[in-house]
């Protein structure tokens, strides 16, 4: 007995999900600041997956025998949600975990981000 079409739909959706997520999705790439600190973003990833389908029963045409293979209709879908949870800040003196839930920290990081990106670009240009 051959593979059912719904299995193909599920396999395709699941393989695409695997391609979207790796360890760098949850633990982001480290960013080094000019003072030598390293900032590592930490995120939470949530997934949703659905697949369904059915065989459409049709009456055999006149003079034809009814086969056991019926037309199939189906679909599948997946969703991924990525939420930043914290930033791990490592420097010479200490290691700190700054949760994003604290709005003051999130606002500070957002305010510092443009300057940080500018400094990263300068470092990359020097190399």
PDB file of N, CA and C in Angstrom:
ATOM      1  N   UNK A   1       0.848  -1.178   0.000  1.00  0.00           N
ATOM      2  CA  UNK A   1       0.000   0.000   0.000  1.00  0.00           C
ATOM      3  C   UNK A   1       0.891   1.237   0.000  1.00  0.00           C
ATOM      4  N   UNK A   2       0.615   2.199  -0.876  1.00  0.00           N
ATOM      5  CA  UNK A   2       1.441   3.399  -1.025  1.00  0.00           C
ATOM      6  C   UNK A   2       1.229   4.401   0.095  1.00  0.00           C
ATOM      7  N   UNK A   3       2.090   5.381   0.082  1.00  0.00           N
ATOM      8  CA  UNK A   3       2.016   6.451   1.073  1.00  0.00           C
ATOM      9  C   UNK A   3       0.780   7.300   0.797  1.00  0.00           C
ATOM     10  N   UNK A   4       0.070   7.686   1.853  1.00  0.00           N
ATOM     11  CA  UNK A   4      -1.127   8.503   1.720  1.00  0.00           C
ATOM     12  C   UNK A   4      -0.715   9.950   1.442  1.00  0.00           C
ATOM     13  N   UNK A   5      -1.467  10.695   0.626  1.00  0.00           N
ATOM     14  CA  UNK A   5      -1.095  12.080   0.296  1.00  0.00           C
ATOM     15  C   UNK A   5      -0.949  12.994   1.519  1.00  0.00           C
ATOM     16  N   UNK A   6      -1.702  12.757   2.580  1.00  0.00           N
ATOM     17  CA  UNK A   6      -1.597  13.609   3.773  1.00  0.00           C
ATOM     18  C   UNK A   6      -0.209  13.490   4.401  1.00  0.00           C
ATOM     19  N   UNK A   7       0.407  12.311   4.266  1.00  0.00           N
ATOM     20  CA  UNK A   7       1.761  12.129   4.807  1.00  0.00           C
ATOM     21  C   UNK A   7       2.752  13.036   4.086  1.00  0.00           C
ATOM     22  N   UNK A   8       2.584  13.192   2.785  1.00  0.00           N
ATOM     23  CA  UNK A   8       3.469  14.079   2.021  1.00  0.00           C
ATOM     24  C   UNK A   8       3.305  15.522   2.479  1.00  0.00           C
ATOM     25  N   UNK A   9       2.054  15.946   2.710  1.00  0.00           N
ATOM     26  CA  UNK A   9       1.811  17.306   3.188  1.00  0.00           C
ATOM     27  C   UNK A   9       2.482  17.544   4.537  1.00  0.00           C
ATOM     28  N   UNK A  10       2.329  16.587   5.443  1.00  0.00           N
ATOM     29  CA  UNK A  10       2.916  16.727   6.774  1.00  0.00           C
ATOM     30  C   UNK A  10       4.441  16.730   6.702  1.00  0.00           C
ATOM     31  N   UNK A  11       5.014  15.845   5.903  1.00  0.00           N
ATOM     32  CA  UNK A  11       6.471  15.790   5.764  1.00  0.00           C
ATOM     33  C   UNK A  11       7.029  17.106   5.224  1.00  0.00           C
ATOM     34  N   UNK A  12       6.354  17.681   4.227  1.00  0.00           N
ATOM     35  CA  UNK A  12       6.812  18.941   3.645  1.00  0.00           C
ATOM     36  C   UNK A  12       6.780  20.062   4.673  1.00  0.00           C
ATOM     37  N   UNK A  13       5.674  20.167   5.406  1.00  0.00           N
ATOM     38  CA  UNK A  13       5.558  21.232   6.408  1.00  0.00           C
ATOM     39  C   UNK A  13       6.600  21.067   7.512  1.00  0.00           C
ATOM     40  N   UNK A  14       6.784  19.850   7.991  1.00  0.00           N
ATOM     41  CA  UNK A  14       7.742  19.617   9.078  1.00  0.00           C
ATOM     42  C   UNK A  14       9.179  19.866   8.623  1.00  0.00           C
ATOM     43  N   UNK A  15       9.518  19.481   7.409  1.00  0.00           N
ATOM     44  CA  UNK A  15      10.891  19.714   6.943  1.00  0.00           C
ATOM     45  C   UNK A  15      11.150  21.208   6.772  1.00  0.00           C
ATOM     46  N   UNK A  16      10.135  21.972   6.382  1.00  0.00           N
ATOM     47  CA  UNK A  16      10.305  23.419   6.267  1.00  0.00           C
ATOM     48  C   UNK A  16      10.472  24.068   7.637  1.00  0.00           C
ATOM     49  N   UNK A  17       9.779  23.555   8.638  1.00  0.00           N
ATOM     50  CA  UNK A  17       9.940  24.081  10.000  1.00  0.00           C
ATOM     51  C   UNK A  17      11.361  23.822  10.483  1.00  0.00           C
ATOM     52  N   UNK A  18      11.870  22.630  10.241  1.00  0.00           N
ATOM     53  CA  UNK A  18      13.242  22.299  10.654  1.00  0.00           C
ATOM     54  C   UNK A  18      14.244  23.259  10.020  1.00  0.00           C
ATOM     55  N   UNK A  19      13.987  23.648   8.798  1.00  0.00           N
ATOM     56  CA  UNK A  19      14.892  24.560   8.114  1.00  0.00           C
ATOM     57  C   UNK A  19      14.869  25.968   8.678  1.00  0.00           C
ATOM     58  N   UNK A  20      13.768  26.362   9.309  1.00  0.00           N
ATOM     59  CA  UNK A  20      13.656  27.715   9.846  1.00  0.00           C
ATOM     60  C   UNK A  20      14.348  27.886  11.185  1.00  0.00           C
ATOM     61  N   UNK A  21      14.459  26.825  11.950  1.00  0.00           N
ATOM     62  CA  UNK A  21      14.932  26.965  13.320  1.00  0.00           C
ATOM     63  C   UNK A  21      16.230  26.205  13.531  1.00  0.00           C
ATOM     64  N   UNK A  22      17.183  26.878  14.116  1.00  0.00           N
ATOM     65  CA  UNK A  22      18.401  26.235  14.579  1.00  0.00           C
ATOM     66  C   UNK A  22      18.763  26.872  15.919  1.00  0.00           C
ATOM     67  N   UNK A  23      19.887  26.502  16.478  1.00  0.00           N
ATOM     68  CA  UNK A  23      20.249  27.009  17.798  1.00  0.00           C
ATOM     69  C   UNK A  23      20.403  28.528  17.782  1.00  0.00           C
ATOM     70  N   UNK A  24      20.797  29.117  16.652  1.00  0.00           N
ATOM     71  CA  UNK A  24      20.963  30.565  16.580  1.00  0.00           C
ATOM     72  C   UNK A  24      19.640  31.311  16.610  1.00  0.00           C
ATOM     73  N   UNK A  25      18.529  30.617  16.407  1.00  0.00           N
ATOM     74  CA  UNK A  25      17.231  31.249  16.529  1.00  0.00           C
ATOM     75  C   UNK A  25      16.913  31.521  17.993  1.00  0.00           C
ATOM     76  N   UNK A  26      17.277  30.617  18.872  1.00  0.00           N
ATOM     77  CA  UNK A  26      16.984  30.755  20.301  1.00  0.00           C
ATOM     78  C   UNK A  26      18.082  31.543  21.002  1.00  0.00           C
ATOM     79  N   UNK A  27      19.311  31.165  20.800  1.00  0.00           N
ATOM     80  CA  UNK A  27      20.457  31.890  21.349  1.00  0.00           C
ATOM     81  C   UNK A  27      21.094  32.608  20.166  1.00  0.00           C
ATOM     82  N   UNK A  28      20.909  33.932  20.123  1.00  0.00           N
ATOM     83  CA  UNK A  28      21.362  34.699  18.968  1.00  0.00           C
ATOM     84  C   UNK A  28      22.868  34.827  18.869  1.00  0.00           C
ATOM     85  N   UNK A  29      23.293  35.435  17.788  1.00  0.00           N
ATOM     86  CA  UNK A  29      24.722  35.666  17.567  1.00  0.00           C
ATOM     87  C   UNK A  29      25.240  36.707  18.557  1.00  0.00           C
ATOM     88  N   UNK A  30      26.387  36.467  19.152  1.00  0.00           N
ATOM     89  CA  UNK A  30      26.944  37.424  20.113  1.00  0.00           C
ATOM     90  C   UNK A  30      27.410  38.709  19.424  1.00  0.00           C
ATOM     91  N   UNK A  31      27.243  39.822  20.147  1.00  0.00           N
ATOM     92  CA  UNK A  31      27.673  41.127  19.659  1.00  0.00           C
ATOM     93  C   UNK A  31      28.672  41.682  20.664  1.00  0.00           C
ATOM     94  N   UNK A  32      29.859  42.041  20.178  1.00  0.00           N
ATOM     95  CA  UNK A  32      30.881  42.588  21.071  1.00  0.00           C
ATOM     96  C   UNK A  32      30.828  44.110  21.032  1.00  0.00           C
ATOM     97  N   UNK A  33      30.831  44.724  22.219  1.00  0.00           N
ATOM     98  CA  UNK A  33      30.809  46.176  22.331  1.00  0.00           C
ATOM     99  C   UNK A  33      32.243  46.696  22.423  1.00  0.00           C
ATOM    100  N   UNK A  34      32.441  48.000  22.204  1.00  0.00           N
ATOM    101  CA  UNK A  34      33.796  48.558  22.264  1.00  0.00           C
ATOM    102  C   UNK A  34      34.483  48.379  23.623  1.00  0.00           C
ATOM    103  N   UNK A  35      33.709  48.302  24.703  1.00  0.00           N
ATOM    104  CA  UNK A  35      34.334  48.135  26.026  1.00  0.00           C
ATOM    105  C   UNK A  35      34.700  46.682  26.318  1.00  0.00           C
ATOM    106  N   UNK A  36      34.464  45.787  25.363  1.00  0.00           N
ATOM    107  CA  UNK A  36      34.829  44.383  25.535  1.00  0.00           C
ATOM    108  C   UNK A  36      33.702  43.499  26.028  1.00  0.00           C
ATOM    109  N   UNK A  37      32.558  44.080  26.352  1.00  0.00           N
ATOM    110  CA  UNK A  37      31.408  43.277  26.773  1.00  0.00           C
ATOM    111  C   UNK A  37      30.839  42.529  25.569  1.00  0.00           C
ATOM    112  N   UNK A  38      30.215  41.408  25.849  1.00  0.00           N
ATOM    113  CA  UNK A  38      29.559  40.627  24.802  1.00  0.00           C
ATOM    114  C   UNK A  38      28.086  40.508  25.169  1.00  0.00           C
ATOM    115  N   UNK A  39      27.212  40.823  24.219  1.00  0.00           N
ATOM    116  CA  UNK A  39      25.765  40.751  24.433  1.00  0.00           C
ATOM    117  C   UNK A  39      25.220  39.626  23.564  1.00  0.00           C
ATOM    118  N   UNK A  40      24.488  38.705  24.210  1.00  0.00           N
ATOM    119  CA  UNK A  40      23.911  37.559  23.503  1.00  0.00           C
ATOM    120  C   UNK A  40      22.395  37.583  23.698  1.00  0.00           C
ATOM    121  N   UNK A  41      21.613  37.730  22.625  1.00  0.00           N
ATOM    122  CA  UNK A  41      20.154  37.707  22.760  1.00  0.00           C
ATOM    123  C   UNK A  41      19.632  36.281  22.974  1.00  0.00           C
ATOM    124  N   UNK A  42      18.642  36.161  23.854  1.00  0.00           N
ATOM    125  CA  UNK A  42      17.992  34.878  24.145  1.00  0.00           C
ATOM    126  C   UNK A  42      16.511  35.032  23.798  1.00  0.00           C
ATOM    127  N   UNK A  43      15.966  34.106  23.023  1.00  0.00           N
ATOM    128  CA  UNK A  43      14.569  34.184  22.593  1.00  0.00           C
ATOM    129  C   UNK A  43      13.818  32.902  22.905  1.00  0.00           C
ATOM    130  N   UNK A  44      12.500  33.015  22.867  1.00  0.00           N
ATOM    131  CA  UNK A  44      11.621  31.852  23.023  1.00  0.00           C
ATOM    132  C   UNK A  44      10.949  31.623  21.676  1.00  0.00           C
ATOM    133  N   UNK A  45      10.936  30.374  21.228  1.00  0.00           N
ATOM    134  CA  UNK A  45      10.321  30.029  19.956  1.00  0.00           C
ATOM    135  C   UNK A  45       9.118  29.132  20.217  1.00  0.00           C
ATOM    136  N   UNK A  46       7.973  29.491  19.622  1.00  0.00           N
ATOM    137  CA  UNK A  46       6.753  28.679  19.737  1.00  0.00           C
ATOM    138  C   UNK A  46       6.323  28.260  18.331  1.00  0.00           C
ATOM    139  N   UNK A  47       5.790  27.044  18.234  1.00  0.00           N
ATOM    140  CA  UNK A  47       5.364  26.505  16.945  1.00  0.00           C
ATOM    141  C   UNK A  47       3.905  26.085  16.987  1.00  0.00           C
ATOM    142  N   UNK A  48       3.273  26.173  15.841  1.00  0.00           N
ATOM    143  CA  UNK A  48       1.947  25.611  15.659  1.00  0.00           C
ATOM    144  C   UNK A  48       1.934  24.873  14.329  1.00  0.00           C
ATOM    145  N   UNK A  49       1.240  23.778  14.276  1.00  0.00           N
ATOM    146  CA  UNK A  49       1.226  22.972  13.064  1.00  0.00           C
ATOM    147  C   UNK A  49      -0.150  22.348  12.895  1.00  0.00           C
ATOM    148  N   UNK A  50      -0.654  22.348  11.672  1.00  0.00           N
ATOM    149  CA  UNK A  50      -1.937  21.703  11.385  1.00  0.00           C
ATOM    150  C   UNK A  50      -1.887  21.087   9.989  1.00  0.00           C
ATOM    151  N   UNK A  51      -2.548  19.969   9.853  1.00  0.00           N
ATOM    152  CA  UNK A  51      -2.663  19.320   8.547  1.00  0.00           C
ATOM    153  C   UNK A  51      -3.986  18.574   8.514  1.00  0.00           C
ATOM    154  N   UNK A  52      -4.569  18.528   7.363  1.00  0.00           N
ATOM    155  CA  UNK A  52      -5.830  17.809   7.248  1.00  0.00           C
ATOM    156  C   UNK A  52      -6.153  17.541   5.791  1.00  0.00           C
ATOM    157  N   UNK A  53      -7.075  16.677   5.592  1.00  0.00           N
ATOM    158  CA  UNK A  53      -7.467  16.352   4.233  1.00  0.00           C
ATOM    159  C   UNK A  53      -8.520  15.265   4.226  1.00  0.00           C
ATOM    160  N   UNK A  54      -8.976  14.984   3.074  1.00  0.00           N
ATOM    161  CA  UNK A  54      -9.973  13.937   2.937  1.00  0.00           C
ATOM    162  C   UNK A  54     -10.054  13.456   1.503  1.00  0.00           C
ATOM    163  N   UNK A  55     -10.617  12.299   1.363  1.00  0.00           N
ATOM    164  CA  UNK A  55     -10.802  11.729   0.036  1.00  0.00           C
ATOM    165  C   UNK A  55     -12.200  12.073  -0.439  1.00  0.00           C
ATOM    166  N   UNK A  56     -12.285  12.461  -1.686  1.00  0.00           N
ATOM    167  CA  UNK A  56     -13.555  12.872  -2.259  1.00  0.00           C
ATOM    168  C   UNK A  56     -14.164  11.666  -2.952  1.00  0.00           C
ATOM    169  N   UNK A  57     -15.315  11.275  -2.469  1.00  0.00           N
ATOM    170  CA  UNK A  57     -15.978  10.111  -3.039  1.00  0.00           C
ATOM    171  C   UNK A  57     -16.753  10.534  -4.282  1.00  0.00           C
ATOM    172  N   UNK A  58     -16.506   9.850  -5.372  1.00  0.00           N
ATOM    173  CA  UNK A  58     -17.232  10.132  -6.612  1.00  0.00           C
ATOM    174  C   UNK A  58     -17.840   8.836  -7.127  1.00  0.00           C
ATOM    175  N   UNK A  59     -18.956   8.982  -7.767  1.00  0.00           N
ATOM    176  CA  UNK A  59     -19.606   7.804  -8.346  1.00  0.00           C
ATOM    177  C   UNK A  59     -18.878   7.431  -9.633  1.00  0.00           C
ATOM    178  N   UNK A  60     -18.632   6.136  -9.867  1.00  0.00           N
ATOM    179  CA  UNK A  60     -17.941   5.738 -11.103  1.00  0.00           C
ATOM    180  C   UNK A  60     -18.790   6.078 -12.328  1.00  0.00           C
ATOM    181  N   UNK A  61     -18.119   6.458 -13.409  1.00  0.00           N
ATOM    182  CA  UNK A  61     -18.827   6.772 -14.652  1.00  0.00           C
ATOM    183  C   UNK A  61     -19.461   5.496 -15.199  1.00  0.00           C
ATOM    184  N   UNK A  62     -20.441   5.667 -16.041  1.00  0.00           N
ATOM    185  CA  UNK A  62     -21.137   4.522 -16.613  1.00  0.00           C
ATOM    186  C   UNK A  62     -20.168   3.654 -17.386  1.00  0.00           C
ATOM    187  N   UNK A  63     -20.160   2.396 -17.116  1.00  0.00           N
ATOM    188  CA  UNK A  63     -19.305   1.455 -17.809  1.00  0.00           C
ATOM    189  C   UNK A  63     -17.926   1.294 -17.169  1.00  0.00           C
ATOM    190  N   UNK A  64     -17.627   2.053 -16.100  1.00  0.00           N
ATOM    191  CA  UNK A  64     -16.325   1.924 -15.433  1.00  0.00           C
ATOM    192  C   UNK A  64     -16.525   1.308 -14.064  1.00  0.00           C
ATOM    193  N   UNK A  65     -15.521   0.569 -13.662  1.00  0.00           N
ATOM    194  CA  UNK A  65     -15.578  -0.001 -12.321  1.00  0.00           C
ATOM    195  C   UNK A  65     -15.080   1.035 -11.324  1.00  0.00           C
ATOM    196  N   UNK A  66     -15.621   1.002 -10.146  1.00  0.00           N
ATOM    197  CA  UNK A  66     -15.155   1.904  -9.087  1.00  0.00           C
ATOM    198  C   UNK A  66     -13.806   1.447  -8.577  1.00  0.00           C
ATOM    199  N   UNK A  67     -12.805   2.282  -8.711  1.00  0.00           N
ATOM    200  CA  UNK A  67     -11.463   1.947  -8.227  1.00  0.00           C
ATOM    201  C   UNK A  67     -11.351   2.232  -6.737  1.00  0.00           C
ATOM    202  N   UNK A  68     -10.292   1.739  -6.133  1.00  0.00           N
ATOM    203  CA  UNK A  68     -10.108   2.010  -4.710  1.00  0.00           C
ATOM    204  C   UNK A  68      -9.346   3.322  -4.492  1.00  0.00           C
ATOM    205  N   UNK A  69      -8.887   3.977  -5.551  1.00  0.00           N
ATOM    206  CA  UNK A  69      -8.151   5.240  -5.431  1.00  0.00           C
ATOM    207  C   UNK A  69      -9.128   6.390  -5.641  1.00  0.00           C
ATOM    208  N   UNK A  70      -9.320   7.205  -4.607  1.00  0.00           N
ATOM    209  CA  UNK A  70     -10.241   8.329  -4.697  1.00  0.00           C
ATOM    210  C   UNK A  70      -9.447   9.631  -4.726  1.00  0.00           C
ATOM    211  N   UNK A  71      -9.999  10.673  -5.349  1.00  0.00           N
ATOM    212  CA  UNK A  71      -9.319  11.972  -5.356  1.00  0.00           C
ATOM    213  C   UNK A  71      -9.114  12.478  -3.919  1.00  0.00           C
ATOM    214  N   UNK A  72      -8.000  13.165  -3.708  1.00  0.00           N
ATOM    215  CA  UNK A  72      -7.655  13.650  -2.371  1.00  0.00           C
ATOM    216  C   UNK A  72      -7.575  15.173  -2.387  1.00  0.00           C
ATOM    217  N   UNK A  73      -8.093  15.789  -1.334  1.00  0.00           N
ATOM    218  CA  UNK A  73      -7.967  17.234  -1.132  1.00  0.00           C
ATOM    219  C   UNK A  73      -7.428  17.450   0.274  1.00  0.00           C
ATOM    220  N   UNK A  74      -6.444  18.297   0.400  1.00  0.00           N
ATOM    221  CA  UNK A  74      -5.871  18.520   1.727  1.00  0.00           C
ATOM    222  C   UNK A  74      -4.997  19.749   1.760  1.00  0.00           C
ATOM    223  N   UNK A  75      -4.567  20.066   2.947  1.00  0.00           N
ATOM    224  CA  UNK A  75      -3.689  21.213   3.128  1.00  0.00           C
ATOM    225  C   UNK A  75      -2.971  21.112   4.458  1.00  0.00           C
ATOM    226  N   UNK A  76      -1.935  21.898   4.589  1.00  0.00           N
ATOM    227  CA  UNK A  76      -1.210  21.948   5.852  1.00  0.00           C
ATOM    228  C   UNK A  76      -0.680  23.352   6.043  1.00  0.00           C
ATOM    229  N   UNK A  77      -0.380  23.674   7.272  1.00  0.00           N
ATOM    230  CA  UNK A  77       0.159  24.988   7.581  1.00  0.00           C
ATOM    231  C   UNK A  77       0.932  24.946   8.877  1.00  0.00           C
ATOM    232  N   UNK A  78       1.781  25.925   9.033  1.00  0.00           N
ATOM    233  CA  UNK A  78       2.580  26.008  10.250  1.00  0.00           C
ATOM    234  C   UNK A  78       2.801  27.468  10.578  1.00  0.00           C
ATOM    235  N   UNK A  79       3.017  27.732  11.845  1.00  0.00           N
ATOM    236  CA  UNK A  79       3.317  29.082  12.296  1.00  0.00           C
ATOM    237  C   UNK A  79       4.444  29.046  13.309  1.00  0.00           C
ATOM    238  N   UNK A  80       5.246  30.086  13.286  1.00  0.00           N
ATOM    239  CA  UNK A  80       6.355  30.203  14.224  1.00  0.00           C
ATOM    240  C   UNK A  80       6.268  31.578  14.867  1.00  0.00           C
ATOM    241  N   UNK A  81       6.422  31.617  16.190  1.00  0.00           N
ATOM    242  CA  UNK A  81       6.432  32.885  16.905  1.00  0.00           C
ATOM    243  C   UNK A  81       7.748  32.992  17.668  1.00  0.00           C
ATOM    244  N   UNK A  82       8.443  34.086  17.482  1.00  0.00           N
ATOM    245  CA  UNK A  82       9.734  34.310  18.128  1.00  0.00           C
ATOM    246  C   UNK A  82       9.605  35.509  19.058  1.00  0.00           C
ATOM    247  N   UNK A  83       9.829  35.296  20.355  1.00  0.00           N
ATOM    248  CA  UNK A  83       9.739  36.368  21.346  1.00  0.00           C
ATOM    249  C   UNK A  83      11.083  36.564  22.023  1.00  0.00           C
ATOM    250  N   UNK A  84      11.630  37.791  21.982  1.00  0.00           N
ATOM    251  CA  UNK A  84      12.860  38.033  22.733  1.00  0.00           C
ATOM    252  C   UNK A  84      12.565  37.937  24.228  1.00  0.00           C
ATOM    253  N   UNK A  85      13.391  37.202  24.954  1.00  0.00           N
ATOM    254  CA  UNK A  85      13.163  37.003  26.388  1.00  0.00           C
ATOM    255  C   UNK A  85      14.179  37.739  27.255  1.00  0.00           C
ATOM    256  N   UNK A  86      15.448  37.752  26.830  1.00  0.00           N
ATOM    257  CA  UNK A  86      16.486  38.357  27.664  1.00  0.00           C
ATOM    258  C   UNK A  86      17.744  38.596  26.839  1.00  0.00           C
ATOM    259  N   UNK A  87      18.659  39.312  27.462  1.00  0.00           N
ATOM    260  CA  UNK A  87      19.986  39.518  26.893  1.00  0.00           C
ATOM    261  C   UNK A  87      21.005  39.084  27.929  1.00  0.00           C
ATOM    262  N   UNK A  88      21.924  38.247  27.522  1.00  0.00           N
ATOM    263  CA  UNK A  88      23.008  37.805  28.391  1.00  0.00           C
ATOM    264  C   UNK A  88      24.188  38.739  28.120  1.00  0.00           C
ATOM    265  N   UNK A  89      24.608  39.470  29.169  1.00  0.00           N
ATOM    266  CA  UNK A  89      25.696  40.436  29.031  1.00  0.00           C
ATOM    267  C   UNK A  89      26.894  39.910  29.804  1.00  0.00           C
ATOM    268  N   UNK A  90      27.989  39.678  29.097  1.00  0.00           N
ATOM    269  CA  UNK A  90      29.202  39.128  29.705  1.00  0.00           C
ATOM    270  C   UNK A  90      30.312  40.171  29.574  1.00  0.00           C
ATOM    271  N   UNK A  91      30.914  40.534  30.723  1.00  0.00           N
ATOM    272  CA  UNK A  91      32.087  41.405  30.681  1.00  0.00           C
ATOM    273  C   UNK A  91      33.139  40.872  31.644  1.00  0.00           C
ATOM    274  N   UNK A  92      34.214  41.609  31.818  1.00  0.00           N
ATOM    275  CA  UNK A  92      35.329  41.121  32.638  1.00  0.00           C
ATOM    276  C   UNK A  92      34.937  40.909  34.095  1.00  0.00           C
ATOM    277  N   UNK A  93      34.033  41.723  34.603  1.00  0.00           N
ATOM    278  CA  UNK A  93      33.670  41.648  36.015  1.00  0.00           C
ATOM    279  C   UNK A  93      32.546  40.664  36.318  1.00  0.00           C
ATOM    280  N   UNK A  94      31.580  40.550  35.413  1.00  0.00           N
ATOM    281  CA  UNK A  94      30.390  39.767  35.749  1.00  0.00           C
ATOM    282  C   UNK A  94      29.647  39.278  34.512  1.00  0.00           C
ATOM    283  N   UNK A  95      28.695  38.406  34.781  1.00  0.00           N
ATOM    284  CA  UNK A  95      27.758  37.926  33.768  1.00  0.00           C
ATOM    285  C   UNK A  95      26.369  38.291  34.269  1.00  0.00           C
ATOM    286  N   UNK A  96      25.601  39.006  33.449  1.00  0.00           N
ATOM    287  CA  UNK A  96      24.260  39.427  33.856  1.00  0.00           C
ATOM    288  C   UNK A  96      23.239  38.959  32.826  1.00  0.00           C
ATOM    289  N   UNK A  97      22.067  38.606  33.324  1.00  0.00           N
ATOM    290  CA  UNK A  97      20.943  38.270  32.459  1.00  0.00           C
ATOM    291  C   UNK A  97      19.934  39.394  32.601  1.00  0.00           C
ATOM    292  N   UNK A  98      19.690  40.120  31.526  1.00  0.00           N
ATOM    293  CA  UNK A  98      18.760  41.244  31.544  1.00  0.00           C
ATOM    294  C   UNK A  98      17.463  40.825  30.863  1.00  0.00           C
ATOM    295  N   UNK A  99      16.418  40.547  31.652  1.00  0.00           N
ATOM    296  CA  UNK A  99      15.149  40.130  31.039  1.00  0.00           C
ATOM    297  C   UNK A  99      14.497  41.282  30.283  1.00  0.00           C
ATOM    298  N   UNK A 100      13.867  40.969  29.181  1.00  0.00           N
ATOM    299  CA  UNK A 100      13.191  41.980  28.381  1.00  0.00           C
ATOM    300  C   UNK A 100      11.901  42.424  29.053  1.00  0.00           C
ATOM    301  N   UNK A 101      11.346  41.614  29.933  1.00  0.00           N
ATOM    302  CA  UNK A 101      10.093  41.949  30.607  1.00  0.00           C
ATOM    303  C   UNK A 101      10.213  43.258  31.368  1.00  0.00           C
ATOM    304  N   UNK A 102      11.394  43.597  31.834  1.00  0.00           N
ATOM    305  CA  UNK A 102      11.618  44.867  32.504  1.00  0.00           C
ATOM    306  C   UNK A 102      11.676  45.939  31.422  1.00  0.00           C
ATOM    307  N   UNK A 103      10.614  46.753  31.310  1.00  0.00           N
ATOM    308  CA  UNK A 103      10.506  47.719  30.223  1.00  0.00           C
ATOM    309  C   UNK A 103      11.657  48.714  30.196  1.00  0.00           C
ATOM    310  N   UNK A 104      12.176  49.085  31.363  1.00  0.00           N
ATOM    311  CA  UNK A 104      13.279  50.044  31.398  1.00  0.00           C
ATOM    312  C   UNK A 104      14.500  49.475  30.672  1.00  0.00           C
ATOM    313  N   UNK A 105      14.767  48.203  30.868  1.00  0.00           N
ATOM    314  CA  UNK A 105      15.911  47.567  30.203  1.00  0.00           C
ATOM    315  C   UNK A 105      15.662  47.499  28.703  1.00  0.00           C
ATOM    316  N   UNK A 106      14.452  47.101  28.315  1.00  0.00           N
ATOM    317  CA  UNK A 106      14.137  47.003  26.888  1.00  0.00           C
ATOM    318  C   UNK A 106      14.262  48.367  26.220  1.00  0.00           C
ATOM    319  N   UNK A 107      13.759  49.407  26.869  1.00  0.00           N
ATOM    320  CA  UNK A 107      13.857  50.749  26.304  1.00  0.00           C
ATOM    321  C   UNK A 107      15.314  51.179  26.183  1.00  0.00           C
ATOM    322  N   UNK A 108      16.106  50.863  27.188  1.00  0.00           N
ATOM    323  CA  UNK A 108      17.524  51.233  27.166  1.00  0.00           C
ATOM    324  C   UNK A 108      18.239  50.530  26.005  1.00  0.00           C
ATOM    325  N   UNK A 109      17.953  49.256  25.819  1.00  0.00           N
ATOM    326  CA  UNK A 109      18.586  48.513  24.724  1.00  0.00           C
ATOM    327  C   UNK A 109      18.160  49.088  23.377  1.00  0.00           C
ATOM    328  N   UNK A 110      16.888  49.434  23.252  1.00  0.00           N
ATOM    329  CA  UNK A 110      16.399  50.029  22.004  1.00  0.00           C
ATOM    330  C   UNK A 110      17.086  51.368  21.757  1.00  0.00           C
ATOM    331  N   UNK A 111      17.272  52.146  22.809  1.00  0.00           N
ATOM    332  CA  UNK A 111      17.926  53.444  22.661  1.00  0.00           C
ATOM    333  C   UNK A 111      19.405  53.310  22.319  1.00  0.00           C
ATOM    334  N   UNK A 112      20.048  52.273  22.814  1.00  0.00           N
ATOM    335  CA  UNK A 112      21.479  52.068  22.584  1.00  0.00           C
ATOM    336  C   UNK A 112      21.732  51.373  21.244  1.00  0.00           C
ATOM    337  N   UNK A 113      20.733  50.688  20.702  1.00  0.00           N
ATOM    338  CA  UNK A 113      20.904  49.875  19.494  1.00  0.00           C
ATOM    339  C   UNK A 113      21.499  50.644  18.313  1.00  0.00           C
ATOM    340  N   UNK A 114      21.016  51.853  17.973  1.00  0.00           N
ATOM    341  CA  UNK A 114      21.613  52.546  16.818  1.00  0.00           C
ATOM    342  C   UNK A 114      23.116  52.816  17.001  1.00  0.00           C
ATOM    343  N   UNK A 115      23.506  53.253  18.184  1.00  0.00           N
ATOM    344  CA  UNK A 115      24.921  53.505  18.451  1.00  0.00           C
ATOM    345  C   UNK A 115      25.720  52.202  18.385  1.00  0.00           C
ATOM    346  N   UNK A 116      25.131  51.140  18.922  1.00  0.00           N
ATOM    347  CA  UNK A 116      25.787  49.835  18.904  1.00  0.00           C
ATOM    348  C   UNK A 116      26.005  49.360  17.465  1.00  0.00           C
ATOM    349  N   UNK A 117      24.996  49.506  16.623  1.00  0.00           N
ATOM    350  CA  UNK A 117      25.123  49.109  15.219  1.00  0.00           C
ATOM    351  C   UNK A 117      26.191  49.931  14.502  1.00  0.00           C
ATOM    352  N   UNK A 118      26.244  51.224  14.812  1.00  0.00           N
ATOM    353  CA  UNK A 118      27.262  52.089  14.215  1.00  0.00           C
ATOM    354  C   UNK A 118      28.660  51.608  14.599  1.00  0.00           C
ATOM    355  N   UNK A 119      28.840  51.265  15.869  1.00  0.00           N
ATOM    356  CA  UNK A 119      30.140  50.790  16.338  1.00  0.00           C
ATOM    357  C   UNK A 119      30.500  49.443  15.709  1.00  0.00           C
ATOM    358  N   UNK A 120      29.515  48.587  15.539  1.00  0.00           N
ATOM    359  CA  UNK A 120      29.756  47.289  14.896  1.00  0.00           C
ATOM    360  C   UNK A 120      30.204  47.501  13.450  1.00  0.00           C
ATOM    361  N   UNK A 121      29.545  48.429  12.755  1.00  0.00           N
ATOM    362  CA  UNK A 121      29.930  48.719  11.370  1.00  0.00           C
ATOM    363  C   UNK A 121      31.364  49.230  11.298  1.00  0.00           C
ATOM    364  N   UNK A 122      31.739  50.086  12.241  1.00  0.00           N
ATOM    365  CA  UNK A 122      33.108  50.610  12.262  1.00  0.00           C
ATOM    366  C   UNK A 122      34.119  49.488  12.487  1.00  0.00           C
ATOM    367  N   UNK A 123      33.797  48.574  13.388  1.00  0.00           N
ATOM    368  CA  UNK A 123      34.688  47.443  13.657  1.00  0.00           C
ATOM    369  C   UNK A 123      34.826  46.571  12.415  1.00  0.00           C
ATOM    370  N   UNK A 124      33.706  46.315  11.740  1.00  0.00           N
ATOM    371  CA  UNK A 124      33.727  45.469  10.545  1.00  0.00           C
ATOM    372  C   UNK A 124      34.524  46.131   9.415  1.00  0.00           C
ATOM    373  N   UNK A 125      34.437  47.456   9.304  1.00  0.00           N
ATOM    374  CA  UNK A 125      35.164  48.164   8.251  1.00  0.00           C
ATOM    375  C   UNK A 125      36.666  48.113   8.486  1.00  0.00           C
ATOM    376  N   UNK A 126      37.082  48.087   9.751  1.00  0.00           N
ATOM    377  CA  UNK A 126      38.505  48.042  10.088  1.00  0.00           C
ATOM    378  C   UNK A 126      39.120  46.699   9.720  1.00  0.00           C
ATOM    379  N   UNK A 127      38.318  45.629   9.763  1.00  0.00           N
ATOM    380  CA  UNK A 127      38.827  44.280   9.479  1.00  0.00           C
ATOM    381  C   UNK A 127      38.961  44.098   8.043  1.00  0.00           C
TER     382      UNK A 127
END
